[in-house]
Amino acid sequence: MVEQRSPKPRAEGSSPSAPANDSPRHGVPRGFLYLFLDINGSELQTAFDYKKEYKEFYSPKNKQSIVTVPKMNYIAVRGQGDPNAEDGEYKKSIELLYGVAYTIKMSKNGSYQMKGYFDFVVPPLEGFWWQDGVNGVDYAHKENFKWISVIRLPDFVTESDFEWAVQEASRKKKTDFSKVEFLTYDEGLCVQCVHMGSYDDEPVSVALMHEYMESQGYALDITEKRLHHEIYLSDARKVAPEKLKTVIRHPIKKA
């Protein structure tokens, strides 16, 4: 399991000021560095943000890079078809994912208490994509897509906690959440890139990523279990297509 950079309790009686060293390696993640006081004198604390704490996975500095992605748990919904279809499976899957994600996040306000809970920013939407008989992605035939839409789970969420959240979301929203599943995925060695622009323009970035991969002595390793992976850092409903930011990741092996 990936090292969980979760909050470290402050010692009783210690100062609420930030520590001198802000490295996660010193026990306190950057997302939880600054404890401060509100106007009533109560301590406030920022929520743990996976995008900021795990920049190597969610906001890589280099255009292309080689990365080893550890095993992670996800909220997941499987489906097929064109993701742009109005009232299609894909758009409905996103509603289900966020319904469960926010039920877990807001559990702090209810009677069900998750062991080890800490407040967090809901991680970005991600997706694993494939098409039968295609090695990679054929963007010209989106109707043939099969996909697993996912949102990362904090490590404190157990399968029992997850089942509670699914049932609670179903009860509160009066919606069928039976398609939502707890998914553990061990991605391993990958090449990734940051794509800026429309999803339809991804092949250009993918080609450059593969060139980089080969220059580093690796070969593509997309299989039935190792899939094309995308992480969506922009809200497509609010951001112009040319400004969309997406991390694209492909599994690789030594050539």
Protein backbone atom coordinates (compact mmCIF):
# COMPACT_ATOMS: atom_id res chain seq x y z
CA MET A 1 0.00 0.00 0.00
CA VAL A 2 1.22 3.52 -0.77
CA GLU A 3 2.78 5.42 2.14
CA GLN A 4 -0.12 7.39 3.61
CA ARG A 5 0.87 10.97 4.32
CA SER A 6 -1.85 11.46 6.88
CA PRO A 7 -2.03 14.03 9.66
CA LYS A 8 0.05 13.59 12.78
CA PRO A 9 -1.62 14.68 16.03
CA ARG A 10 -0.03 17.70 17.70
CA ALA A 11 1.36 17.06 21.17
CA GLU A 12 -0.76 18.42 23.99
CA GLY A 13 0.29 21.91 25.01
CA SER A 14 2.49 22.47 21.97
CA SER A 15 2.37 25.61 19.87
CA PRO A 16 0.01 25.75 16.88
CA SER A 17 2.67 27.36 14.71
CA ALA A 18 4.09 25.54 11.66
CA PRO A 19 7.15 23.30 12.09
CA ALA A 20 10.43 24.51 10.67
CA ASN A 21 10.76 21.65 8.20
CA ASP A 22 7.72 21.11 5.97
CA SER A 23 8.73 17.80 4.45
CA PRO A 24 6.24 14.89 4.62
CA ARG A 25 9.23 12.71 5.49
CA HIS A 26 9.30 14.41 8.90
CA GLY A 27 5.91 13.00 9.85
CA VAL A 28 3.58 15.92 9.16
CA PRO A 29 2.38 16.27 5.54
CA ARG A 30 2.51 19.65 3.86
CA GLY A 31 -1.28 19.64 3.62
CA PHE A 32 -1.50 19.77 7.41
CA LEU A 33 1.37 22.09 8.25
CA TYR A 34 -0.43 25.16 9.37
CA LEU A 35 -2.61 25.07 12.44
CA PHE A 36 -4.10 28.47 13.19
CA LEU A 37 -6.86 30.07 15.24
CA ASP A 38 -10.23 31.41 14.13
CA ILE A 39 -11.81 34.50 15.72
CA ASN A 40 -13.16 32.36 18.57
CA GLY A 41 -9.76 30.94 19.41
CA SER A 42 -10.55 27.46 18.02
CA GLU A 43 -7.93 25.62 16.02
CA LEU A 44 -8.54 25.25 12.29
CA GLN A 45 -6.76 22.76 10.06
CA THR A 46 -6.54 22.46 6.29
CA ALA A 47 -7.89 19.33 4.62
CA PHE A 48 -5.44 16.78 3.22
CA ASP A 49 -5.11 17.31 -0.53
CA TYR A 50 -3.84 14.33 -2.54
CA LYS A 51 -3.04 16.50 -5.56
CA LYS A 52 -0.63 18.57 -3.49
CA GLU A 53 0.84 15.77 -1.37
CA TYR A 54 1.39 13.34 -4.27
CA LYS A 55 2.48 15.71 -7.02
CA GLU A 56 4.51 12.95 -8.67
CA PHE A 57 1.22 11.22 -9.50
CA TYR A 58 -1.24 14.10 -9.94
CA SER A 59 0.86 17.04 -11.10
CA PRO A 60 4.20 15.83 -12.46
CA LYS A 61 6.73 18.57 -13.20
CA ASN A 62 8.06 17.07 -16.42
CA LYS A 63 6.09 16.74 -19.64
CA GLN A 64 6.90 13.00 -19.67
CA SER A 65 8.22 10.85 -16.85
CA ILE A 66 8.71 7.27 -15.66
CA VAL A 67 6.92 6.50 -12.40
CA THR A 68 6.16 3.49 -10.21
CA VAL A 69 2.59 3.77 -8.95
CA PRO A 70 1.85 1.82 -5.75
CA LYS A 71 -1.28 -0.15 -4.96
CA MET A 72 -4.27 2.09 -4.21
CA ASN A 73 -7.95 1.67 -3.35
CA TYR A 74 -10.67 3.36 -5.36
CA ILE A 75 -14.39 3.99 -5.55
CA ALA A 76 -15.18 2.46 -8.95
CA VAL A 77 -17.99 2.13 -11.49
CA ARG A 78 -17.65 0.04 -14.66
CA GLY A 79 -19.41 0.75 -17.93
CA GLN A 80 -19.14 1.10 -21.69
CA GLY A 81 -20.02 3.49 -24.49
CA ASP A 82 -19.25 7.03 -25.62
CA PRO A 83 -18.40 9.19 -22.58
CA ASN A 84 -19.89 12.21 -24.34
CA ALA A 85 -23.33 10.66 -24.80
CA GLU A 86 -26.11 12.67 -23.15
CA ASP A 87 -27.64 10.70 -20.28
CA GLY A 88 -25.12 7.93 -21.02
CA GLU A 89 -23.60 5.44 -18.60
CA TYR A 90 -20.43 7.47 -18.16
CA LYS A 91 -22.08 10.65 -16.91
CA LYS A 92 -24.27 8.65 -14.55
CA SER A 93 -21.20 6.85 -13.20
CA ILE A 94 -19.63 10.16 -12.20
CA GLU A 95 -22.69 11.07 -10.13
CA LEU A 96 -22.42 7.74 -8.31
CA LEU A 97 -18.71 8.16 -7.61
CA TYR A 98 -19.05 11.62 -6.12
CA GLY A 99 -22.12 10.58 -4.15
CA VAL A 100 -20.08 7.97 -2.28
CA ALA A 101 -16.95 10.14 -2.05
CA TYR A 102 -18.78 12.98 -0.32
CA THR A 103 -20.66 10.59 1.93
CA ILE A 104 -17.27 9.37 3.20
CA LYS A 105 -15.90 12.91 3.53
CA MET A 106 -18.91 14.17 5.47
CA SER A 107 -19.16 11.13 7.73
CA LYS A 108 -17.27 13.21 10.31
CA ASN A 109 -20.57 15.02 10.99
CA GLY A 110 -22.63 11.91 11.68
CA SER A 111 -22.87 9.03 14.11
CA TYR A 112 -20.80 6.62 11.99
CA GLN A 113 -17.15 7.27 12.81
CA MET A 114 -14.37 5.80 10.65
CA LYS A 115 -11.24 4.76 12.53
CA GLY A 116 -8.29 6.97 11.60
CA TYR A 117 -10.49 9.49 9.77
CA PHE A 118 -8.96 12.80 8.72
CA ASP A 119 -10.54 15.50 6.61
CA PHE A 120 -9.52 15.45 2.96
CA VAL A 121 -10.15 17.12 -0.36
CA VAL A 122 -11.98 14.65 -2.63
CA PRO A 123 -9.33 13.50 -5.15
CA PRO A 124 -9.77 14.10 -8.87
CA LEU A 125 -11.82 11.92 -11.19
CA GLU A 126 -9.81 9.22 -12.99
CA GLY A 127 -10.55 6.60 -15.61
CA PHE A 128 -9.16 3.34 -16.98
CA TRP A 129 -10.06 2.86 -20.65
CA TRP A 130 -9.86 0.07 -23.24
CA GLN A 131 -11.52 -1.30 -26.38
CA ASP A 132 -11.76 -4.96 -27.26
CA GLY A 133 -9.26 -5.94 -29.93
CA VAL A 134 -7.39 -2.61 -29.76
CA ASN A 135 -3.88 -2.22 -28.35
CA GLY A 136 -4.24 1.23 -26.85
CA VAL A 137 -7.09 3.63 -27.67
CA ASP A 138 -8.97 4.24 -30.92
CA TYR A 139 -10.27 7.78 -30.43
CA ALA A 140 -12.30 7.60 -33.66
CA HIS A 141 -14.65 4.98 -32.21
CA LYS A 142 -15.64 6.20 -28.76
CA GLU A 143 -18.81 4.14 -28.89
CA ASN A 144 -16.61 1.06 -28.38
CA PHE A 145 -15.05 2.31 -25.18
CA LYS A 146 -15.12 0.20 -22.04
CA TRP A 147 -14.10 1.98 -18.88
CA ILE A 148 -13.75 1.98 -15.13
CA SER A 149 -14.38 5.42 -13.64
CA VAL A 150 -12.67 5.87 -10.28
CA ILE A 151 -11.93 8.25 -7.41
CA ARG A 152 -9.11 7.42 -5.04
CA LEU A 153 -10.00 6.40 -1.48
CA PRO A 154 -8.03 7.49 1.59
CA ASP A 155 -6.26 4.51 3.15
CA PHE A 156 -8.30 4.77 6.34
CA VAL A 157 -11.42 3.64 4.46
CA THR A 158 -11.98 -0.09 5.01
CA GLU A 159 -14.29 -2.24 2.92
CA SER A 160 -16.79 -2.14 5.79
CA ASP A 161 -16.63 1.67 5.82
CA PHE A 162 -17.11 1.63 2.06
CA GLU A 163 -20.20 -0.58 2.25
CA TRP A 164 -21.66 1.73 4.88
CA ALA A 165 -21.05 4.74 2.61
CA VAL A 166 -22.76 3.05 -0.35
CA GLN A 167 -25.80 2.21 1.75
CA GLU A 168 -25.90 5.68 3.30
CA ALA A 169 -25.65 7.39 -0.10
CA SER A 170 -28.43 5.15 -1.43
CA ARG A 171 -30.64 6.02 1.54
CA LYS A 172 -30.06 9.76 1.44
CA LYS A 173 -30.15 10.25 -2.33
CA LYS A 174 -32.79 7.58 -3.00
CA THR A 175 -30.63 6.38 -5.91
CA ASP A 176 -29.39 2.92 -6.86
CA PHE A 177 -25.67 2.77 -5.98
CA SER A 178 -25.36 -0.99 -6.56
CA LYS A 179 -22.93 -0.48 -9.47
CA VAL A 180 -20.36 1.15 -7.18
CA GLU A 181 -17.52 -1.13 -6.07
CA PHE A 182 -14.41 -1.10 -3.90
CA LEU A 183 -11.46 -1.54 -6.30
CA THR A 184 -7.84 -2.24 -5.42
CA TYR A 185 -5.47 -1.60 -8.32
CA ASP A 186 -1.69 -2.12 -8.40
CA GLU A 187 -0.54 -0.06 -11.38
CA GLY A 188 3.21 -0.51 -11.09
CA LEU A 189 5.77 0.78 -13.58
CA CYS A 190 4.35 3.39 -16.00
CA VAL A 191 5.18 6.23 -18.31
CA GLN A 192 3.04 9.33 -17.91
CA CYS A 193 2.63 12.76 -19.42
CA VAL A 194 0.65 15.94 -18.84
CA HIS A 195 -1.69 16.63 -21.74
CA MET A 196 -2.94 20.18 -22.23
CA GLY A 197 -5.94 20.56 -24.51
CA SER A 198 -8.93 18.69 -25.86
CA TYR A 199 -9.32 14.99 -25.16
CA ASP A 200 -9.55 14.47 -28.93
CA ASP A 201 -5.98 15.79 -29.24
CA GLU A 202 -4.54 13.22 -26.82
CA PRO A 203 -2.94 11.05 -29.57
CA VAL A 204 -0.26 13.72 -30.15
CA SER A 205 0.74 13.70 -26.49
CA VAL A 206 0.56 9.90 -26.34
CA ALA A 207 2.90 9.60 -29.35
CA LEU A 208 5.46 11.90 -27.70
CA MET A 209 5.11 9.96 -24.45
CA HIS A 210 5.83 6.69 -26.25
CA GLU A 211 8.89 8.22 -27.93
CA TYR A 212 10.18 9.22 -24.50
CA MET A 213 9.39 5.74 -23.15
CA GLU A 214 11.44 4.08 -25.90
CA SER A 215 14.32 6.52 -25.45
CA GLN A 216 14.52 5.42 -21.80
CA GLY A 217 14.69 1.73 -22.71
CA TYR A 218 11.08 0.70 -22.06
CA ALA A 219 8.28 -0.89 -24.09
CA LEU A 220 4.52 -0.51 -23.86
CA ASP A 221 2.80 -3.12 -21.68
CA ILE A 222 -0.95 -2.55 -22.11
CA THR A 223 -2.81 -5.79 -21.36
CA GLU A 224 -6.22 -6.92 -20.14
CA LYS A 225 -5.12 -6.05 -16.61
CA ARG A 226 -2.84 -3.07 -17.28
CA LEU A 227 -4.83 -0.26 -18.86
CA HIS A 228 -4.73 3.19 -20.41
CA HIS A 229 -5.22 5.55 -17.45
CA GLU A 230 -6.31 9.19 -17.34
CA ILE A 231 -6.52 11.63 -14.41
CA TYR A 232 -8.70 14.68 -14.97
CA LEU A 233 -7.29 17.80 -13.34
CA SER A 234 -9.82 20.15 -14.95
CA ASP A 235 -13.61 20.28 -14.83
CA ALA A 236 -14.69 19.84 -18.45
CA ARG A 237 -17.99 21.57 -17.64
CA LYS A 238 -16.19 24.79 -16.69
CA VAL A 239 -12.90 24.81 -18.62
CA ALA A 240 -12.45 25.49 -22.33
CA PRO A 241 -11.27 22.40 -24.26
CA GLU A 242 -7.92 23.95 -25.15
CA LYS A 243 -7.18 24.54 -21.44
CA LEU A 244 -8.06 21.09 -20.12
CA LYS A 245 -5.27 19.44 -18.12
CA THR A 246 -5.06 15.65 -18.03
CA VAL A 247 -2.45 13.20 -16.79
CA ILE A 248 -2.18 10.26 -19.22
CA ARG A 249 -0.48 7.10 -17.97
CA HIS A 250 0.48 3.87 -19.74
CA PRO A 251 1.94 0.68 -18.23
CA ILE A 252 5.42 -0.23 -19.41
CA LYS A 253 8.15 -2.85 -19.03
CA LYS A 254 11.85 -3.02 -19.75
CA ALA A 255 12.44 -3.42 -23.48
